[in-house]
Amino acid sequence: MDDRSDKRIWAPYESFYIHAMLFNTRSAVASIEWIKTALEQMSSESGSSLAQLDRRSMLCELQNIILQAGALSRYFWPVRQGHDARAEQLRAAFDVTEDNPLKNRDLRNEIEHFDERLDAYLYEGVAGYIFPEFVGHLPNSDGVPTHIFRAYYLDERLFEMLGKRYEIEPLARELLRLHSRLLRADRNGGRLGGK
């Protein structure tokens, strides 16, 4: 075992990190493409194309984007101490700055601890309009409380989980950018760096 004290990634091991992160970006990119195709079909069709949209699949694809972003986030901002040198090396190699959308882990935590948050949400008591899943335009409030467990608002391009709303587009753009950079690194002999 390597006894290096800085715990940076040794050059022959860079490929392992590239391939591990490519697993996440490939899955996220597939979900982004699914959503893009579904939205393009909706906008090109006449009539009630929203009624024909597979809403559950769309919400699952959105949730997958968030889960994969959360997994990538841990490479760049580790949860536990002792991995800072590796994280710093990866951030530098992929031009990931502190204002990167991957750094915001609120949505990842929302999904990873969904069971606990659902318990807390429901224990408070839920009354009014209740939607387990919703895809459409942001509903107008008519004074009756609305509870939406998982939603995507097409007009605002917001994803909602248990009453909290999040922008998906900045996350999707960053995942696509990272995917491209990771593919380039893989073609570059499995080495970090190189633009």
N, C-alpha and C. Protein backbone atom coordinates (compact mmCIF):
# COMPACT_ATOMS: atom_id res chain seq x y z
N MET A 1 0.84 -1.19 0.00
CA MET A 1 0.00 0.00 0.00
C MET A 1 0.87 1.24 0.00
N ASP A 2 0.44 2.23 -0.70
CA ASP A 2 1.17 3.50 -0.82
C ASP A 2 1.07 4.26 0.50
N ASP A 3 2.21 4.73 1.01
CA ASP A 3 2.19 5.46 2.28
C ASP A 3 2.33 6.97 2.07
N ARG A 4 1.97 7.46 0.88
CA ARG A 4 2.05 8.89 0.62
C ARG A 4 1.18 9.65 1.61
N SER A 5 1.69 10.72 2.15
CA SER A 5 0.94 11.48 3.16
C SER A 5 -0.04 12.46 2.53
N ASP A 6 0.18 12.86 1.27
CA ASP A 6 -0.72 13.85 0.67
C ASP A 6 -1.99 13.22 0.09
N LYS A 7 -1.99 11.91 -0.12
CA LYS A 7 -3.13 11.15 -0.63
C LYS A 7 -3.68 11.67 -1.95
N ARG A 8 -2.79 12.22 -2.77
CA ARG A 8 -3.18 12.60 -4.12
C ARG A 8 -3.29 11.32 -4.95
N ILE A 9 -3.89 11.44 -6.11
CA ILE A 9 -4.06 10.27 -6.98
C ILE A 9 -2.75 10.02 -7.72
N TRP A 10 -2.22 8.85 -7.54
CA TRP A 10 -1.00 8.46 -8.23
C TRP A 10 -1.35 8.29 -9.72
N ALA A 11 -0.49 8.77 -10.61
CA ALA A 11 -0.77 8.81 -12.05
C ALA A 11 -1.33 7.49 -12.61
N PRO A 12 -0.76 6.32 -12.28
CA PRO A 12 -1.32 5.09 -12.84
C PRO A 12 -2.75 4.79 -12.36
N TYR A 13 -3.19 5.44 -11.29
CA TYR A 13 -4.53 5.19 -10.75
C TYR A 13 -5.57 6.19 -11.25
N GLU A 14 -5.14 7.20 -11.99
CA GLU A 14 -6.08 8.23 -12.47
C GLU A 14 -7.22 7.61 -13.27
N SER A 15 -6.91 6.60 -14.04
CA SER A 15 -7.93 5.96 -14.88
C SER A 15 -9.08 5.38 -14.05
N PHE A 16 -8.78 4.89 -12.86
CA PHE A 16 -9.84 4.34 -12.01
C PHE A 16 -10.86 5.41 -11.64
N TYR A 17 -10.38 6.60 -11.32
CA TYR A 17 -11.29 7.70 -10.98
C TYR A 17 -12.08 8.15 -12.19
N ILE A 18 -11.42 8.21 -13.34
CA ILE A 18 -12.10 8.61 -14.57
C ILE A 18 -13.23 7.64 -14.88
N HIS A 19 -12.95 6.35 -14.79
CA HIS A 19 -13.98 5.35 -15.10
C HIS A 19 -15.10 5.34 -14.06
N ALA A 20 -14.75 5.54 -12.81
CA ALA A 20 -15.78 5.58 -11.76
C ALA A 20 -16.73 6.75 -11.98
N MET A 21 -16.17 7.91 -12.33
CA MET A 21 -17.03 9.08 -12.56
C MET A 21 -17.79 8.97 -13.87
N LEU A 22 -17.21 8.31 -14.87
CA LEU A 22 -17.93 8.10 -16.13
C LEU A 22 -19.19 7.26 -15.92
N PHE A 23 -19.14 6.32 -14.99
CA PHE A 23 -20.34 5.55 -14.67
C PHE A 23 -21.49 6.50 -14.32
N ASN A 24 -21.19 7.49 -13.47
CA ASN A 24 -22.22 8.44 -13.04
C ASN A 24 -22.67 9.35 -14.17
N THR A 25 -21.70 9.87 -14.94
CA THR A 25 -22.10 10.82 -15.99
C THR A 25 -22.84 10.12 -17.12
N ARG A 26 -22.47 8.89 -17.44
CA ARG A 26 -23.19 8.16 -18.50
C ARG A 26 -24.66 7.98 -18.12
N SER A 27 -24.89 7.61 -16.90
CA SER A 27 -26.27 7.42 -16.44
C SER A 27 -27.03 8.75 -16.46
N ALA A 28 -26.38 9.81 -15.98
CA ALA A 28 -27.03 11.12 -15.97
C ALA A 28 -27.30 11.61 -17.38
N VAL A 29 -26.35 11.44 -18.28
CA VAL A 29 -26.52 11.89 -19.67
C VAL A 29 -27.67 11.13 -20.33
N ALA A 30 -27.78 9.84 -20.07
CA ALA A 30 -28.90 9.07 -20.63
C ALA A 30 -30.23 9.64 -20.14
N SER A 31 -30.31 10.02 -18.88
CA SER A 31 -31.54 10.62 -18.33
C SER A 31 -31.80 11.99 -18.94
N ILE A 32 -30.75 12.78 -19.09
CA ILE A 32 -30.89 14.11 -19.71
C ILE A 32 -31.42 13.96 -21.13
N GLU A 33 -30.86 13.02 -21.88
CA GLU A 33 -31.32 12.79 -23.26
C GLU A 33 -32.77 12.32 -23.29
N TRP A 34 -33.17 11.46 -22.36
CA TRP A 34 -34.55 10.98 -22.30
C TRP A 34 -35.49 12.17 -22.10
N ILE A 35 -35.15 13.02 -21.15
CA ILE A 35 -35.99 14.19 -20.85
C ILE A 35 -36.03 15.14 -22.03
N LYS A 36 -34.88 15.39 -22.65
CA LYS A 36 -34.82 16.28 -23.80
C LYS A 36 -35.71 15.77 -24.92
N THR A 37 -35.62 14.48 -25.21
CA THR A 37 -36.43 13.88 -26.27
C THR A 37 -37.92 13.99 -25.94
N ALA A 38 -38.29 13.70 -24.70
CA ALA A 38 -39.69 13.77 -24.29
C ALA A 38 -40.23 15.19 -24.42
N LEU A 39 -39.44 16.17 -24.00
CA LEU A 39 -39.88 17.58 -24.09
C LEU A 39 -39.95 18.04 -25.54
N GLU A 40 -39.02 17.60 -26.39
CA GLU A 40 -39.07 17.95 -27.81
C GLU A 40 -40.30 17.34 -28.48
N GLN A 41 -40.63 16.11 -28.13
CA GLN A 41 -41.82 15.47 -28.70
C GLN A 41 -43.08 16.21 -28.26
N MET A 42 -43.09 16.64 -27.00
CA MET A 42 -44.24 17.38 -26.51
C MET A 42 -44.43 18.69 -27.27
N SER A 43 -43.34 19.40 -27.49
CA SER A 43 -43.45 20.71 -28.14
C SER A 43 -43.74 20.58 -29.63
N SER A 44 -43.38 19.45 -30.26
CA SER A 44 -43.61 19.30 -31.69
C SER A 44 -44.99 18.72 -32.01
N GLU A 45 -45.61 18.07 -31.04
CA GLU A 45 -46.93 17.48 -31.27
C GLU A 45 -48.02 18.49 -30.98
N SER A 46 -49.10 18.36 -31.68
CA SER A 46 -50.24 19.24 -31.42
C SER A 46 -51.22 18.52 -30.50
N GLY A 47 -52.11 19.26 -29.93
CA GLY A 47 -53.12 18.66 -29.06
C GLY A 47 -52.62 18.48 -27.65
N SER A 48 -53.09 17.45 -27.00
CA SER A 48 -52.79 17.24 -25.58
C SER A 48 -51.58 16.34 -25.40
N SER A 49 -50.41 16.81 -25.83
CA SER A 49 -49.22 15.99 -25.73
C SER A 49 -48.79 15.78 -24.28
N LEU A 50 -49.15 16.72 -23.39
CA LEU A 50 -48.83 16.55 -21.97
C LEU A 50 -49.53 15.33 -21.41
N ALA A 51 -50.73 15.06 -21.88
CA ALA A 51 -51.48 13.89 -21.41
C ALA A 51 -50.79 12.59 -21.82
N GLN A 52 -50.03 12.62 -22.92
CA GLN A 52 -49.36 11.41 -23.40
C GLN A 52 -47.96 11.24 -22.82
N LEU A 53 -47.49 12.24 -22.09
CA LEU A 53 -46.16 12.18 -21.50
C LEU A 53 -46.12 11.14 -20.38
N ASP A 54 -45.09 10.33 -20.38
CA ASP A 54 -44.89 9.36 -19.31
C ASP A 54 -44.31 10.11 -18.11
N ARG A 55 -45.18 10.65 -17.29
CA ARG A 55 -44.77 11.54 -16.19
C ARG A 55 -43.93 10.81 -15.14
N ARG A 56 -44.31 9.62 -14.81
CA ARG A 56 -43.56 8.87 -13.80
C ARG A 56 -42.13 8.63 -14.28
N SER A 57 -41.98 8.24 -15.55
CA SER A 57 -40.63 8.03 -16.09
C SER A 57 -39.85 9.33 -16.08
N MET A 58 -40.51 10.44 -16.41
CA MET A 58 -39.80 11.72 -16.40
C MET A 58 -39.30 12.05 -15.00
N LEU A 59 -40.13 11.86 -14.00
CA LEU A 59 -39.71 12.13 -12.62
C LEU A 59 -38.59 11.20 -12.19
N CYS A 60 -38.65 9.95 -12.63
CA CYS A 60 -37.57 9.01 -12.30
C CYS A 60 -36.26 9.42 -12.97
N GLU A 61 -36.33 9.87 -14.21
CA GLU A 61 -35.12 10.33 -14.91
C GLU A 61 -34.55 11.57 -14.22
N LEU A 62 -35.41 12.49 -13.80
CA LEU A 62 -34.94 13.67 -13.07
C LEU A 62 -34.29 13.26 -11.76
N GLN A 63 -34.91 12.34 -11.07
CA GLN A 63 -34.35 11.87 -9.81
C GLN A 63 -32.99 11.20 -10.04
N ASN A 64 -32.85 10.47 -11.13
CA ASN A 64 -31.57 9.84 -11.44
C ASN A 64 -30.49 10.89 -11.69
N ILE A 65 -30.83 11.96 -12.37
CA ILE A 65 -29.86 13.05 -12.60
C ILE A 65 -29.34 13.56 -11.27
N ILE A 66 -30.23 13.75 -10.34
CA ILE A 66 -29.86 14.29 -9.03
C ILE A 66 -29.00 13.28 -8.25
N LEU A 67 -29.37 12.02 -8.30
CA LEU A 67 -28.58 11.00 -7.60
C LEU A 67 -27.17 10.90 -8.18
N GLN A 68 -27.05 10.94 -9.50
CA GLN A 68 -25.73 10.85 -10.12
C GLN A 68 -24.91 12.11 -9.82
N ALA A 69 -25.56 13.27 -9.81
CA ALA A 69 -24.86 14.51 -9.45
C ALA A 69 -24.36 14.43 -8.01
N GLY A 70 -25.16 13.88 -7.12
CA GLY A 70 -24.74 13.73 -5.73
C GLY A 70 -23.55 12.80 -5.59
N ALA A 71 -23.54 11.73 -6.36
CA ALA A 71 -22.41 10.81 -6.32
C ALA A 71 -21.13 11.50 -6.82
N LEU A 72 -21.25 12.27 -7.88
CA LEU A 72 -20.09 13.01 -8.40
C LEU A 72 -19.62 14.07 -7.42
N SER A 73 -20.55 14.68 -6.74
CA SER A 73 -20.22 15.73 -5.78
C SER A 73 -19.24 15.23 -4.74
N ARG A 74 -19.39 14.00 -4.32
CA ARG A 74 -18.52 13.44 -3.28
C ARG A 74 -17.07 13.28 -3.75
N TYR A 75 -16.85 13.12 -5.05
CA TYR A 75 -15.47 13.07 -5.55
C TYR A 75 -14.78 14.43 -5.39
N PHE A 76 -15.55 15.49 -5.60
CA PHE A 76 -14.99 16.84 -5.57
C PHE A 76 -15.03 17.49 -4.19
N TRP A 77 -16.02 17.11 -3.38
CA TRP A 77 -16.16 17.61 -2.01
C TRP A 77 -16.50 16.43 -1.11
N PRO A 78 -15.48 15.69 -0.65
CA PRO A 78 -15.72 14.48 0.14
C PRO A 78 -16.44 14.79 1.45
N VAL A 79 -17.21 13.82 1.88
CA VAL A 79 -17.94 13.94 3.13
C VAL A 79 -16.97 13.79 4.31
N ARG A 80 -16.06 12.84 4.22
CA ARG A 80 -15.13 12.57 5.32
C ARG A 80 -13.78 13.22 5.08
N GLN A 81 -13.10 13.51 6.17
CA GLN A 81 -11.77 14.10 6.08
C GLN A 81 -10.77 13.06 5.60
N GLY A 82 -9.64 13.56 5.12
CA GLY A 82 -8.58 12.68 4.67
C GLY A 82 -8.56 12.48 3.17
N HIS A 83 -9.51 13.07 2.47
CA HIS A 83 -9.59 12.91 1.02
C HIS A 83 -9.48 14.25 0.30
N ASP A 84 -9.05 15.26 1.03
CA ASP A 84 -9.02 16.62 0.49
C ASP A 84 -8.03 16.77 -0.67
N ALA A 85 -6.87 16.14 -0.57
CA ALA A 85 -5.87 16.27 -1.64
C ALA A 85 -6.40 15.67 -2.94
N ARG A 86 -7.04 14.52 -2.85
CA ARG A 86 -7.64 13.89 -4.04
C ARG A 86 -8.72 14.79 -4.62
N ALA A 87 -9.58 15.34 -3.77
CA ALA A 87 -10.66 16.20 -4.23
C ALA A 87 -10.11 17.45 -4.90
N GLU A 88 -9.10 18.03 -4.30
CA GLU A 88 -8.49 19.23 -4.87
C GLU A 88 -7.88 18.93 -6.24
N GLN A 89 -7.24 17.78 -6.35
CA GLN A 89 -6.64 17.36 -7.62
C GLN A 89 -7.72 17.19 -8.70
N LEU A 90 -8.83 16.56 -8.34
CA LEU A 90 -9.91 16.36 -9.31
C LEU A 90 -10.58 17.68 -9.69
N ARG A 91 -10.78 18.56 -8.71
CA ARG A 91 -11.39 19.87 -9.02
C ARG A 91 -10.50 20.64 -10.00
N ALA A 92 -9.20 20.61 -9.77
CA ALA A 92 -8.28 21.31 -10.67
C ALA A 92 -8.28 20.68 -12.06
N ALA A 93 -8.27 19.36 -12.12
CA ALA A 93 -8.22 18.66 -13.41
C ALA A 93 -9.46 18.91 -14.26
N PHE A 94 -10.61 19.10 -13.61
CA PHE A 94 -11.86 19.25 -14.35
C PHE A 94 -12.46 20.66 -14.25
N ASP A 95 -11.65 21.61 -13.79
CA ASP A 95 -12.09 23.01 -13.68
C ASP A 95 -13.40 23.13 -12.91
N VAL A 96 -13.47 22.49 -11.77
CA VAL A 96 -14.64 22.54 -10.91
C VAL A 96 -14.35 23.56 -9.80
N THR A 97 -15.12 24.64 -9.80
CA THR A 97 -14.91 25.72 -8.84
C THR A 97 -15.90 25.62 -7.68
N GLU A 98 -15.69 26.46 -6.71
CA GLU A 98 -16.54 26.43 -5.51
C GLU A 98 -17.98 26.86 -5.78
N ASP A 99 -18.23 27.55 -6.90
CA ASP A 99 -19.61 27.94 -7.21
C ASP A 99 -20.29 26.94 -8.15
N ASN A 100 -19.70 25.78 -8.30
CA ASN A 100 -20.24 24.73 -9.15
C ASN A 100 -21.58 24.22 -8.59
N PRO A 101 -22.58 23.98 -9.46
CA PRO A 101 -23.87 23.48 -8.98
C PRO A 101 -23.79 22.13 -8.27
N LEU A 102 -22.73 21.36 -8.53
CA LEU A 102 -22.58 20.07 -7.85
C LEU A 102 -22.29 20.23 -6.36
N LYS A 103 -21.80 21.39 -5.96
CA LYS A 103 -21.44 21.58 -4.56
C LYS A 103 -22.67 21.68 -3.66
N ASN A 104 -23.79 22.13 -4.20
CA ASN A 104 -25.02 22.24 -3.42
C ASN A 104 -25.60 20.84 -3.22
N ARG A 105 -25.47 20.33 -2.02
CA ARG A 105 -25.91 18.95 -1.76
C ARG A 105 -27.30 18.87 -1.15
N ASP A 106 -28.00 19.99 -1.07
CA ASP A 106 -29.34 19.96 -0.47
C ASP A 106 -30.26 18.98 -1.18
N LEU A 107 -30.27 19.04 -2.51
CA LEU A 107 -31.16 18.16 -3.26
C LEU A 107 -30.73 16.70 -3.15
N ARG A 108 -29.41 16.46 -3.21
CA ARG A 108 -28.92 15.09 -3.03
C ARG A 108 -29.34 14.55 -1.68
N ASN A 109 -29.16 15.36 -0.64
CA ASN A 109 -29.55 14.92 0.70
C ASN A 109 -31.05 14.70 0.79
N GLU A 110 -31.80 15.54 0.09
CA GLU A 110 -33.26 15.39 0.06
C GLU A 110 -33.65 14.01 -0.47
N ILE A 111 -32.97 13.57 -1.49
CA ILE A 111 -33.30 12.28 -2.10
C ILE A 111 -32.69 11.12 -1.32
N GLU A 112 -31.44 11.26 -0.90
CA GLU A 112 -30.79 10.16 -0.18
C GLU A 112 -31.45 9.88 1.16
N HIS A 113 -32.03 10.89 1.76
CA HIS A 113 -32.71 10.73 3.05
C HIS A 113 -34.21 10.93 2.89
N PHE A 114 -34.71 10.58 1.70
CA PHE A 114 -36.11 10.82 1.39
C PHE A 114 -37.04 10.13 2.38
N ASP A 115 -36.71 8.93 2.79
CA ASP A 115 -37.59 8.19 3.71
C ASP A 115 -37.75 8.95 5.02
N GLU A 116 -36.66 9.48 5.56
CA GLU A 116 -36.72 10.22 6.82
C GLU A 116 -37.47 11.54 6.64
N ARG A 117 -37.22 12.22 5.52
CA ARG A 117 -37.90 13.50 5.27
C ARG A 117 -39.39 13.27 5.02
N LEU A 118 -39.72 12.17 4.38
CA LEU A 118 -41.13 11.85 4.17
C LEU A 118 -41.82 11.60 5.51
N ASP A 119 -41.15 10.86 6.40
CA ASP A 119 -41.71 10.66 7.74
C ASP A 119 -42.02 12.00 8.40
N ALA A 120 -41.03 12.88 8.43
CA ALA A 120 -41.19 14.18 9.09
C ALA A 120 -42.29 15.00 8.43
N TYR A 121 -42.33 14.98 7.11
CA TYR A 121 -43.31 15.75 6.35
C TYR A 121 -44.73 15.27 6.68
N LEU A 122 -44.91 13.96 6.71
CA LEU A 122 -46.25 13.41 6.94
C LEU A 122 -46.67 13.49 8.41
N TYR A 123 -45.70 13.41 9.32
CA TYR A 123 -46.03 13.50 10.74
C TYR A 123 -46.58 14.86 11.11
N GLU A 124 -46.24 15.88 10.32
CA GLU A 124 -46.77 17.22 10.56
C GLU A 124 -48.25 17.32 10.20
N GLY A 125 -48.74 16.37 9.46
CA GLY A 125 -50.14 16.39 9.02
C GLY A 125 -50.26 17.04 7.66
N VAL A 126 -50.92 16.36 6.75
CA VAL A 126 -51.08 16.85 5.39
C VAL A 126 -52.57 16.91 5.09
N ALA A 127 -53.01 18.08 4.69
CA ALA A 127 -54.41 18.27 4.30
C ALA A 127 -54.45 19.20 3.11
N GLY A 128 -55.47 19.09 2.29
CA GLY A 128 -55.61 19.93 1.10
C GLY A 128 -55.46 19.08 -0.14
N TYR A 129 -54.95 19.69 -1.19
CA TYR A 129 -54.69 18.96 -2.43
C TYR A 129 -53.40 18.17 -2.27
N ILE A 130 -53.45 16.87 -2.57
CA ILE A 130 -52.29 16.00 -2.39
C ILE A 130 -51.98 15.31 -3.72
N PHE A 131 -50.73 15.49 -4.17
CA PHE A 131 -50.27 14.88 -5.41
C PHE A 131 -48.98 14.10 -5.13
N PRO A 132 -48.99 12.78 -5.26
CA PRO A 132 -47.74 12.03 -5.10
C PRO A 132 -46.74 12.37 -6.20
N GLU A 133 -47.25 12.58 -7.43
CA GLU A 133 -46.39 12.92 -8.57
C GLU A 133 -47.13 13.93 -9.44
N PHE A 134 -46.36 14.87 -9.98
CA PHE A 134 -46.97 15.90 -10.82
C PHE A 134 -45.95 16.38 -11.84
N VAL A 135 -46.38 16.49 -13.10
CA VAL A 135 -45.60 17.13 -14.15
C VAL A 135 -46.56 18.04 -14.88
N GLY A 136 -46.21 19.30 -14.98
CA GLY A 136 -47.07 20.27 -15.66
C GLY A 136 -46.62 21.67 -15.29
N HIS A 137 -47.54 22.61 -15.50
CA HIS A 137 -47.24 23.99 -15.15
C HIS A 137 -47.43 24.21 -13.65
N LEU A 138 -46.65 25.13 -13.12
CA LEU A 138 -46.72 25.45 -11.69
C LEU A 138 -48.15 25.81 -11.34
N PRO A 139 -48.78 25.07 -10.40
CA PRO A 139 -50.18 25.34 -10.08
C PRO A 139 -50.35 26.68 -9.35
N ASN A 140 -51.47 27.33 -9.64
CA ASN A 140 -51.83 28.54 -8.92
C ASN A 140 -52.48 28.16 -7.61
N SER A 141 -52.21 28.92 -6.59
CA SER A 141 -52.81 28.65 -5.29
C SER A 141 -54.18 29.29 -5.22
N ASP A 142 -55.16 28.51 -4.82
CA ASP A 142 -56.51 29.05 -4.63
C ASP A 142 -56.86 29.13 -3.15
N GLY A 143 -55.84 29.13 -2.32
CA GLY A 143 -56.04 29.22 -0.87
C GLY A 143 -56.03 27.87 -0.17
N VAL A 144 -56.24 26.79 -0.91
CA VAL A 144 -56.21 25.45 -0.32
C VAL A 144 -54.77 24.96 -0.38
N PRO A 145 -54.23 24.46 0.73
CA PRO A 145 -52.84 23.98 0.71
C PRO A 145 -52.66 22.86 -0.31
N THR A 146 -51.53 22.90 -1.02
CA THR A 146 -51.19 21.89 -2.00
C THR A 146 -49.93 21.19 -1.55
N HIS A 147 -49.97 19.87 -1.53
CA HIS A 147 -48.82 19.07 -1.12
C HIS A 147 -48.42 18.18 -2.30
N ILE A 148 -47.23 18.44 -2.82
CA ILE A 148 -46.71 17.67 -3.95
C ILE A 148 -45.43 17.00 -3.49
N PHE A 149 -45.42 15.69 -3.55
CA PHE A 149 -44.28 14.94 -3.05
C PHE A 149 -43.10 14.96 -4.02
N ARG A 150 -43.40 14.88 -5.32
CA ARG A 150 -42.36 14.89 -6.34
C ARG A 150 -42.97 15.50 -7.59
N ALA A 151 -42.34 16.58 -8.12
CA ALA A 151 -42.93 17.28 -9.26
C ALA A 151 -41.85 17.90 -10.14
N TYR A 152 -42.25 18.12 -11.40
CA TYR A 152 -41.43 18.93 -12.31
C TYR A 152 -42.36 19.92 -12.97
N TYR A 153 -42.01 21.21 -12.85
CA TYR A 153 -42.81 22.28 -13.41
C TYR A 153 -42.19 22.69 -14.75
N LEU A 154 -42.90 22.37 -15.81
CA LEU A 154 -42.39 22.58 -17.15
C LEU A 154 -42.15 24.05 -17.46
N ASP A 155 -43.04 24.93 -17.00
CA ASP A 155 -42.91 26.35 -17.32
C ASP A 155 -41.76 27.00 -16.57
N GLU A 156 -41.50 26.58 -15.35
CA GLU A 156 -40.44 27.16 -14.53
C GLU A 156 -39.15 26.33 -14.56
N ARG A 157 -39.25 25.11 -15.08
CA ARG A 157 -38.12 24.17 -15.13
C ARG A 157 -37.54 23.94 -13.74
N LEU A 158 -38.43 23.64 -12.82
CA LEU A 158 -38.06 23.38 -11.43
C LEU A 158 -38.46 21.98 -11.04
N PHE A 159 -37.65 21.33 -10.25
CA PHE A 159 -37.96 20.02 -9.68
C PHE A 159 -38.31 20.25 -8.22
N GLU A 160 -39.35 19.60 -7.74
CA GLU A 160 -39.78 19.76 -6.35
C GLU A 160 -39.84 18.42 -5.66
N MET A 161 -39.32 18.42 -4.43
CA MET A 161 -39.43 17.24 -3.55
C MET A 161 -39.90 17.72 -2.20
N LEU A 162 -41.02 17.21 -1.74
CA LEU A 162 -41.55 17.52 -0.41
C LEU A 162 -41.53 19.02 -0.10
N GLY A 163 -42.00 19.81 -1.06
CA GLY A 163 -42.16 21.24 -0.84
C GLY A 163 -40.93 22.09 -1.10
N LYS A 164 -39.80 21.48 -1.46
CA LYS A 164 -38.59 22.25 -1.77
C LYS A 164 -38.34 22.19 -3.27
N ARG A 165 -38.01 23.34 -3.84
CA ARG A 165 -37.82 23.43 -5.30
C ARG A 165 -36.35 23.64 -5.65
N TYR A 166 -35.95 23.03 -6.78
CA TYR A 166 -34.56 23.07 -7.23
C TYR A 166 -34.49 23.24 -8.74
N GLU A 167 -33.48 24.01 -9.18
CA GLU A 167 -33.23 24.18 -10.61
C GLU A 167 -32.45 22.96 -11.12
N ILE A 168 -32.91 22.41 -12.21
CA ILE A 168 -32.27 21.23 -12.79
C ILE A 168 -31.29 21.60 -13.90
N GLU A 169 -31.61 22.63 -14.67
CA GLU A 169 -30.79 22.95 -15.85
C GLU A 169 -29.32 23.23 -15.54
N PRO A 170 -28.97 24.02 -14.52
CA PRO A 170 -27.55 24.21 -14.25
C PRO A 170 -26.83 22.90 -13.91
N LEU A 171 -27.51 22.03 -13.21
CA LEU A 171 -26.96 20.72 -12.87
C LEU A 171 -26.75 19.89 -14.13
N ALA A 172 -27.75 19.88 -15.01
CA ALA A 172 -27.66 19.11 -16.26
C ALA A 172 -26.51 19.63 -17.13
N ARG A 173 -26.39 20.95 -17.24
CA ARG A 173 -25.29 21.52 -18.04
C ARG A 173 -23.93 21.09 -17.50
N GLU A 174 -23.79 21.10 -16.17
CA GLU A 174 -22.51 20.72 -15.57
C GLU A 174 -22.23 19.23 -15.77
N LEU A 175 -23.25 18.41 -15.66
CA LEU A 175 -23.06 16.97 -15.88
C LEU A 175 -22.64 16.69 -17.32
N LEU A 176 -23.23 17.39 -18.27
CA LEU A 176 -22.84 17.22 -19.67
C LEU A 176 -21.40 17.69 -19.90
N ARG A 177 -21.03 18.80 -19.27
CA ARG A 177 -19.66 19.31 -19.40
C ARG A 177 -18.65 18.30 -18.82
N LEU A 178 -18.94 17.81 -17.63
CA LEU A 178 -18.05 16.84 -17.00
C LEU A 178 -17.95 15.55 -17.80
N HIS A 179 -19.07 15.12 -18.35
CA HIS A 179 -19.05 13.90 -19.16
C HIS A 179 -18.09 14.05 -20.34
N SER A 180 -18.19 15.19 -21.00
CA SER A 180 -17.30 15.46 -22.13
C SER A 180 -15.84 15.46 -21.70
N ARG A 181 -15.56 16.10 -20.58
CA ARG A 181 -14.18 16.16 -20.08
C ARG A 181 -13.68 14.78 -19.66
N LEU A 182 -14.54 13.98 -19.04
CA LEU A 182 -14.16 12.64 -18.63
C LEU A 182 -13.88 11.75 -19.84
N LEU A 183 -14.71 11.86 -20.88
CA LEU A 183 -14.47 11.08 -22.10
C LEU A 183 -13.13 11.46 -22.71
N ARG A 184 -12.82 12.75 -22.72
CA ARG A 184 -11.55 13.22 -23.25
C ARG A 184 -10.39 12.67 -22.43
N ALA A 185 -10.54 12.68 -21.10
CA ALA A 185 -9.48 12.14 -20.23
C ALA A 185 -9.29 10.65 -20.47
N ASP A 186 -10.39 9.95 -20.69
CA ASP A 186 -10.31 8.51 -20.96
C ASP A 186 -9.57 8.26 -22.27
N ARG A 187 -9.88 9.05 -23.30
CA ARG A 187 -9.20 8.91 -24.60
C ARG A 187 -7.73 9.34 -24.50
N ASN A 188 -7.42 10.15 -23.50
CA ASN A 188 -6.06 10.66 -23.30
C ASN A 188 -5.25 9.67 -22.45
N GLY A 189 -5.54 8.39 -22.59
CA GLY A 189 -4.78 7.37 -21.88
C GLY A 189 -5.17 7.21 -20.42
N GLY A 190 -6.38 7.66 -20.06
CA GLY A 190 -6.82 7.53 -18.68
C GLY A 190 -6.09 8.46 -17.76
N ARG A 191 -5.76 9.64 -18.26
CA ARG A 191 -5.01 10.62 -17.48
C ARG A 191 -5.85 11.86 -17.21
N LEU A 192 -5.70 12.41 -16.03
CA LEU A 192 -6.37 13.65 -15.68
C LEU A 192 -5.69 14.81 -16.40
N GLY A 193 -6.42 15.87 -16.56
CA GLY A 193 -5.85 17.05 -17.20
C GLY A 193 -6.05 17.01 -18.69
N GLY A 194 -5.55 17.99 -19.35
CA GLY A 194 -5.72 18.08 -20.79
C GLY A 194 -7.10 18.59 -21.12
N LYS A 195 -7.16 19.66 -21.86
CA LYS A 195 -8.44 20.27 -22.18
C LYS A 195 -8.80 19.87 -23.57
